[in-house]
Amino acid sequence: MTLDEAQNTVDSWIKTVGVRYFNELTNLALLTEEVGELARVMARLYGEQSSKPGEGKEEISEELADILFVVICLANQTGVNLTEALQKSLDKKNSRDQDRHRNNPRLQ
């Protein structure tokens, strides 16, 4: 699925199953909540926090998908084409950071 297809799929789901988009501030709060859930999983799998029974890497996939869903909702609501936005971001990183990371001794 391309980003354009994902944006169209989410928009269709919202309009048929979800009734309507939550407002932008509500979706921002939901995004923060989902990122927090990913942080909890990561802290338990890769940090020092103890895992609960049944927690595993499959939860990373679930939380990332939840984050992506809300990001797509926000993009749709605000008229952002994620394909174009991502390409602009990559172009910026390629020009700004062309040698920056390669010359960072902490990354060697």
N, C-alpha and C. Protein backbone atom coordinates (compact mmCIF):
# COMPACT_ATOMS: atom_id res chain seq x y z
N MET A 1 0.84 -1.18 0.00
CA MET A 1 0.00 0.00 0.00
C MET A 1 0.89 1.24 0.00
N THR A 2 0.62 2.16 -0.89
CA THR A 2 1.36 3.41 -0.93
C THR A 2 0.81 4.36 0.13
N LEU A 3 1.51 5.45 0.37
CA LEU A 3 1.00 6.45 1.32
C LEU A 3 -0.31 7.06 0.80
N ASP A 4 -0.38 7.31 -0.50
CA ASP A 4 -1.63 7.85 -1.07
C ASP A 4 -2.79 6.87 -0.85
N GLU A 5 -2.54 5.60 -1.11
CA GLU A 5 -3.57 4.59 -0.89
C GLU A 5 -3.96 4.52 0.58
N ALA A 6 -2.98 4.62 1.46
CA ALA A 6 -3.27 4.60 2.90
C ALA A 6 -4.13 5.79 3.29
N GLN A 7 -3.80 6.95 2.77
CA GLN A 7 -4.61 8.13 3.09
C GLN A 7 -6.05 7.97 2.59
N ASN A 8 -6.21 7.42 1.41
CA ASN A 8 -7.56 7.21 0.87
C ASN A 8 -8.31 6.13 1.66
N THR A 9 -7.61 5.06 2.04
CA THR A 9 -8.24 3.98 2.80
C THR A 9 -8.71 4.46 4.16
N VAL A 10 -7.84 5.20 4.85
CA VAL A 10 -8.22 5.73 6.17
C VAL A 10 -9.39 6.70 6.03
N ASP A 11 -9.34 7.56 5.03
CA ASP A 11 -10.43 8.52 4.83
C ASP A 11 -11.75 7.79 4.59
N SER A 12 -11.71 6.76 3.78
CA SER A 12 -12.92 5.97 3.51
C SER A 12 -13.42 5.30 4.79
N TRP A 13 -12.51 4.74 5.58
CA TRP A 13 -12.92 4.08 6.82
C TRP A 13 -13.55 5.09 7.78
N ILE A 14 -12.91 6.24 7.92
CA ILE A 14 -13.45 7.27 8.82
C ILE A 14 -14.86 7.65 8.41
N LYS A 15 -15.07 7.83 7.12
CA LYS A 15 -16.37 8.31 6.64
C LYS A 15 -17.45 7.24 6.64
N THR A 16 -17.08 5.96 6.68
CA THR A 16 -18.09 4.91 6.66
C THR A 16 -18.27 4.23 8.01
N VAL A 17 -17.17 3.93 8.68
CA VAL A 17 -17.23 3.22 9.95
C VAL A 17 -17.05 4.18 11.12
N GLY A 18 -16.13 5.08 10.99
CA GLY A 18 -15.80 5.98 12.09
C GLY A 18 -16.73 7.17 12.21
N VAL A 19 -17.65 7.34 11.30
CA VAL A 19 -18.64 8.41 11.25
C VAL A 19 -18.02 9.74 10.81
N ARG A 20 -17.02 10.21 11.54
CA ARG A 20 -16.33 11.46 11.17
C ARG A 20 -14.97 11.48 11.86
N TYR A 21 -14.12 12.38 11.43
CA TYR A 21 -12.82 12.57 12.08
C TYR A 21 -13.04 13.21 13.45
N PHE A 22 -12.26 12.78 14.43
CA PHE A 22 -12.17 13.55 15.68
C PHE A 22 -11.50 14.87 15.32
N ASN A 23 -11.70 15.90 16.13
CA ASN A 23 -11.05 17.16 15.79
C ASN A 23 -9.52 17.02 15.91
N GLU A 24 -8.81 17.95 15.34
CA GLU A 24 -7.36 17.87 15.25
C GLU A 24 -6.69 17.79 16.62
N LEU A 25 -7.19 18.53 17.60
CA LEU A 25 -6.57 18.47 18.93
C LEU A 25 -6.82 17.13 19.60
N THR A 26 -7.98 16.56 19.40
CA THR A 26 -8.26 15.22 19.94
C THR A 26 -7.32 14.21 19.29
N ASN A 27 -7.14 14.30 17.97
CA ASN A 27 -6.24 13.37 17.30
C ASN A 27 -4.79 13.58 17.73
N LEU A 28 -4.40 14.81 18.02
CA LEU A 28 -3.06 15.03 18.54
C LEU A 28 -2.90 14.36 19.91
N ALA A 29 -3.92 14.47 20.75
CA ALA A 29 -3.87 13.79 22.05
C ALA A 29 -3.82 12.28 21.87
N LEU A 30 -4.59 11.74 20.90
CA LEU A 30 -4.55 10.30 20.62
C LEU A 30 -3.17 9.88 20.12
N LEU A 31 -2.55 10.72 19.29
CA LEU A 31 -1.20 10.41 18.81
C LEU A 31 -0.22 10.35 19.97
N THR A 32 -0.32 11.28 20.87
CA THR A 32 0.55 11.28 22.05
C THR A 32 0.34 10.02 22.87
N GLU A 33 -0.90 9.63 23.03
CA GLU A 33 -1.23 8.41 23.77
C GLU A 33 -0.61 7.18 23.10
N GLU A 34 -0.74 7.09 21.78
CA GLU A 34 -0.19 5.94 21.05
C GLU A 34 1.33 5.91 21.12
N VAL A 35 1.98 7.06 21.03
CA VAL A 35 3.44 7.11 21.16
C VAL A 35 3.85 6.67 22.56
N GLY A 36 3.09 7.04 23.56
CA GLY A 36 3.36 6.59 24.92
C GLY A 36 3.23 5.07 25.05
N GLU A 37 2.26 4.49 24.36
CA GLU A 37 2.10 3.04 24.41
C GLU A 37 3.29 2.35 23.74
N LEU A 38 3.79 2.93 22.64
CA LEU A 38 5.00 2.38 22.01
C LEU A 38 6.19 2.51 22.95
N ALA A 39 6.30 3.63 23.63
CA ALA A 39 7.41 3.84 24.57
C ALA A 39 7.38 2.81 25.70
N ARG A 40 6.19 2.48 26.18
CA ARG A 40 6.05 1.47 27.22
C ARG A 40 6.55 0.12 26.73
N VAL A 41 6.16 -0.26 25.54
CA VAL A 41 6.59 -1.54 24.97
C VAL A 41 8.10 -1.55 24.78
N MET A 42 8.64 -0.47 24.24
CA MET A 42 10.09 -0.40 23.98
C MET A 42 10.88 -0.45 25.29
N ALA A 43 10.38 0.23 26.32
CA ALA A 43 11.08 0.23 27.61
C ALA A 43 11.11 -1.16 28.22
N ARG A 44 10.06 -1.92 27.98
CA ARG A 44 10.02 -3.27 28.54
C ARG A 44 10.82 -4.26 27.72
N LEU A 45 10.88 -4.06 26.41
CA LEU A 45 11.60 -5.01 25.56
C LEU A 45 13.09 -4.69 25.45
N TYR A 46 13.44 -3.40 25.45
CA TYR A 46 14.83 -3.02 25.20
C TYR A 46 15.47 -2.26 26.36
N GLY A 47 14.67 -1.86 27.32
CA GLY A 47 15.20 -1.14 28.48
C GLY A 47 15.26 -2.04 29.69
N GLU A 48 15.31 -1.42 30.85
CA GLU A 48 15.45 -2.16 32.09
C GLU A 48 14.13 -2.55 32.72
N GLN A 49 13.02 -2.00 32.22
CA GLN A 49 11.72 -2.29 32.82
C GLN A 49 11.33 -3.75 32.54
N SER A 50 10.76 -4.39 33.52
CA SER A 50 10.33 -5.79 33.38
C SER A 50 9.10 -5.89 32.48
N SER A 51 9.09 -6.93 31.66
CA SER A 51 7.94 -7.18 30.79
C SER A 51 6.84 -7.89 31.54
N LYS A 52 5.62 -7.70 31.07
CA LYS A 52 4.48 -8.43 31.59
C LYS A 52 4.34 -9.71 30.77
N PRO A 53 3.74 -10.74 31.32
CA PRO A 53 3.53 -11.97 30.54
C PRO A 53 2.76 -11.67 29.26
N GLY A 54 3.23 -12.24 28.16
CA GLY A 54 2.55 -12.07 26.88
C GLY A 54 3.01 -10.88 26.07
N GLU A 55 3.82 -10.00 26.67
CA GLU A 55 4.31 -8.85 25.91
C GLU A 55 5.46 -9.29 25.01
N GLY A 56 5.44 -8.82 23.78
CA GLY A 56 6.50 -9.18 22.87
C GLY A 56 6.62 -8.20 21.73
N LYS A 57 7.47 -8.55 20.79
CA LYS A 57 7.75 -7.66 19.67
C LYS A 57 6.54 -7.39 18.78
N GLU A 58 5.56 -8.29 18.80
CA GLU A 58 4.37 -8.07 17.98
C GLU A 58 3.64 -6.81 18.41
N GLU A 59 3.80 -6.42 19.67
CA GLU A 59 3.17 -5.18 20.14
C GLU A 59 3.80 -3.95 19.50
N ILE A 60 5.07 -4.02 19.14
CA ILE A 60 5.71 -2.89 18.45
C ILE A 60 4.98 -2.63 17.15
N SER A 61 4.72 -3.69 16.39
CA SER A 61 4.00 -3.55 15.12
C SER A 61 2.62 -2.94 15.33
N GLU A 62 1.93 -3.41 16.33
CA GLU A 62 0.58 -2.91 16.62
C GLU A 62 0.61 -1.42 16.98
N GLU A 63 1.54 -1.04 17.85
CA GLU A 63 1.60 0.36 18.27
C GLU A 63 2.04 1.27 17.13
N LEU A 64 3.01 0.82 16.32
CA LEU A 64 3.44 1.63 15.17
C LEU A 64 2.29 1.82 14.19
N ALA A 65 1.49 0.78 13.98
CA ALA A 65 0.33 0.90 13.08
C ALA A 65 -0.69 1.87 13.65
N ASP A 66 -0.91 1.84 14.95
CA ASP A 66 -1.83 2.79 15.58
C ASP A 66 -1.34 4.22 15.41
N ILE A 67 -0.04 4.43 15.58
CA ILE A 67 0.56 5.75 15.38
C ILE A 67 0.37 6.20 13.94
N LEU A 68 0.66 5.31 13.01
CA LEU A 68 0.52 5.64 11.59
C LEU A 68 -0.91 6.01 11.25
N PHE A 69 -1.87 5.28 11.79
CA PHE A 69 -3.28 5.58 11.54
C PHE A 69 -3.62 7.01 11.97
N VAL A 70 -3.20 7.40 13.16
CA VAL A 70 -3.53 8.74 13.65
C VAL A 70 -2.77 9.81 12.86
N VAL A 71 -1.52 9.54 12.48
CA VAL A 71 -0.77 10.48 11.65
C VAL A 71 -1.50 10.68 10.32
N ILE A 72 -1.99 9.60 9.74
CA ILE A 72 -2.73 9.70 8.48
C ILE A 72 -4.01 10.50 8.68
N CYS A 73 -4.71 10.29 9.79
CA CYS A 73 -5.90 11.09 10.09
C CYS A 73 -5.55 12.58 10.14
N LEU A 74 -4.49 12.91 10.84
CA LEU A 74 -4.08 14.31 10.95
C LEU A 74 -3.70 14.88 9.59
N ALA A 75 -3.01 14.10 8.78
CA ALA A 75 -2.64 14.56 7.44
C ALA A 75 -3.90 14.81 6.61
N ASN A 76 -4.82 13.88 6.64
CA ASN A 76 -6.06 14.06 5.88
C ASN A 76 -6.83 15.29 6.33
N GLN A 77 -6.91 15.49 7.62
CA GLN A 77 -7.67 16.63 8.15
C GLN A 77 -7.06 17.96 7.79
N THR A 78 -5.74 17.99 7.70
CA THR A 78 -5.04 19.25 7.47
C THR A 78 -4.61 19.44 6.02
N GLY A 79 -5.00 18.51 5.15
CA GLY A 79 -4.70 18.65 3.73
C GLY A 79 -3.26 18.36 3.35
N VAL A 80 -2.59 17.54 4.15
CA VAL A 80 -1.18 17.21 3.86
C VAL A 80 -1.13 15.93 3.04
N ASN A 81 -0.43 15.98 1.91
CA ASN A 81 -0.16 14.79 1.13
C ASN A 81 1.11 14.17 1.69
N LEU A 82 0.99 13.02 2.33
CA LEU A 82 2.14 12.43 3.02
C LEU A 82 3.25 12.00 2.07
N THR A 83 2.90 11.59 0.86
CA THR A 83 3.94 11.24 -0.12
C THR A 83 4.80 12.45 -0.42
N GLU A 84 4.18 13.58 -0.71
CA GLU A 84 4.92 14.80 -1.00
C GLU A 84 5.70 15.28 0.23
N ALA A 85 5.07 15.22 1.39
CA ALA A 85 5.72 15.69 2.61
C ALA A 85 6.95 14.85 2.95
N LEU A 86 6.82 13.53 2.80
CA LEU A 86 7.96 12.66 3.08
C LEU A 86 9.08 12.90 2.09
N GLN A 87 8.75 13.09 0.82
CA GLN A 87 9.79 13.35 -0.18
C GLN A 87 10.52 14.65 0.12
N LYS A 88 9.79 15.69 0.50
CA LYS A 88 10.41 16.97 0.87
C LYS A 88 11.33 16.79 2.08
N SER A 89 10.89 15.99 3.05
CA SER A 89 11.71 15.74 4.24
C SER A 89 12.99 15.01 3.87
N LEU A 90 12.88 14.00 3.01
CA LEU A 90 14.07 13.26 2.57
C LEU A 90 15.02 14.15 1.78
N ASP A 91 14.47 15.00 0.92
CA ASP A 91 15.30 15.92 0.15
C ASP A 91 16.07 16.85 1.09
N LYS A 92 15.37 17.36 2.10
CA LYS A 92 16.00 18.25 3.08
C LYS A 92 17.11 17.52 3.83
N LYS A 93 16.84 16.31 4.26
CA LYS A 93 17.85 15.54 5.00
C LYS A 93 19.04 15.22 4.11
N ASN A 94 18.80 14.91 2.85
CA ASN A 94 19.90 14.59 1.93
C ASN A 94 20.78 15.80 1.65
N SER A 95 20.21 16.99 1.62
CA SER A 95 21.03 18.17 1.38
C SER A 95 21.68 18.68 2.66
N ARG A 96 20.95 18.72 3.73
CA ARG A 96 21.46 19.26 5.00
C ARG A 96 22.43 18.30 5.68
N ASP A 97 22.13 17.02 5.62
CA ASP A 97 22.90 16.05 6.40
C ASP A 97 23.80 15.16 5.54
N GLN A 98 24.14 15.64 4.35
CA GLN A 98 24.89 14.81 3.42
C GLN A 98 26.14 14.19 4.04
N ASP A 99 26.90 14.99 4.79
CA ASP A 99 28.14 14.48 5.42
C ASP A 99 28.09 14.50 6.94
N ARG A 100 27.05 15.07 7.48
CA ARG A 100 26.95 15.28 8.92
C ARG A 100 27.12 13.98 9.72
N HIS A 101 26.38 12.96 9.39
CA HIS A 101 26.42 11.72 10.17
C HIS A 101 27.67 10.90 9.84
N ARG A 102 28.10 10.95 8.60
CA ARG A 102 29.30 10.22 8.20
C ARG A 102 30.54 10.73 8.96
N ASN A 103 30.53 12.01 9.31
CA ASN A 103 31.67 12.61 10.01
C ASN A 103 31.49 12.65 11.52
N ASN A 104 30.47 12.02 12.03
CA ASN A 104 30.21 12.01 13.47
C ASN A 104 30.99 10.83 14.08
N PRO A 105 32.01 11.11 14.89
CA PRO A 105 32.81 10.02 15.46
C PRO A 105 32.00 9.11 16.40
N ARG A 106 30.91 9.60 16.94
CA ARG A 106 30.09 8.76 17.82
C ARG A 106 29.32 7.69 17.04
N LEU A 107 29.26 7.84 15.74
CA LEU A 107 28.55 6.85 14.91
C LEU A 107 29.49 5.88 14.22
N GLN A 108 30.76 6.02 14.49
CA GLN A 108 31.76 5.14 13.85
C GLN A 108 31.84 3.80 14.51
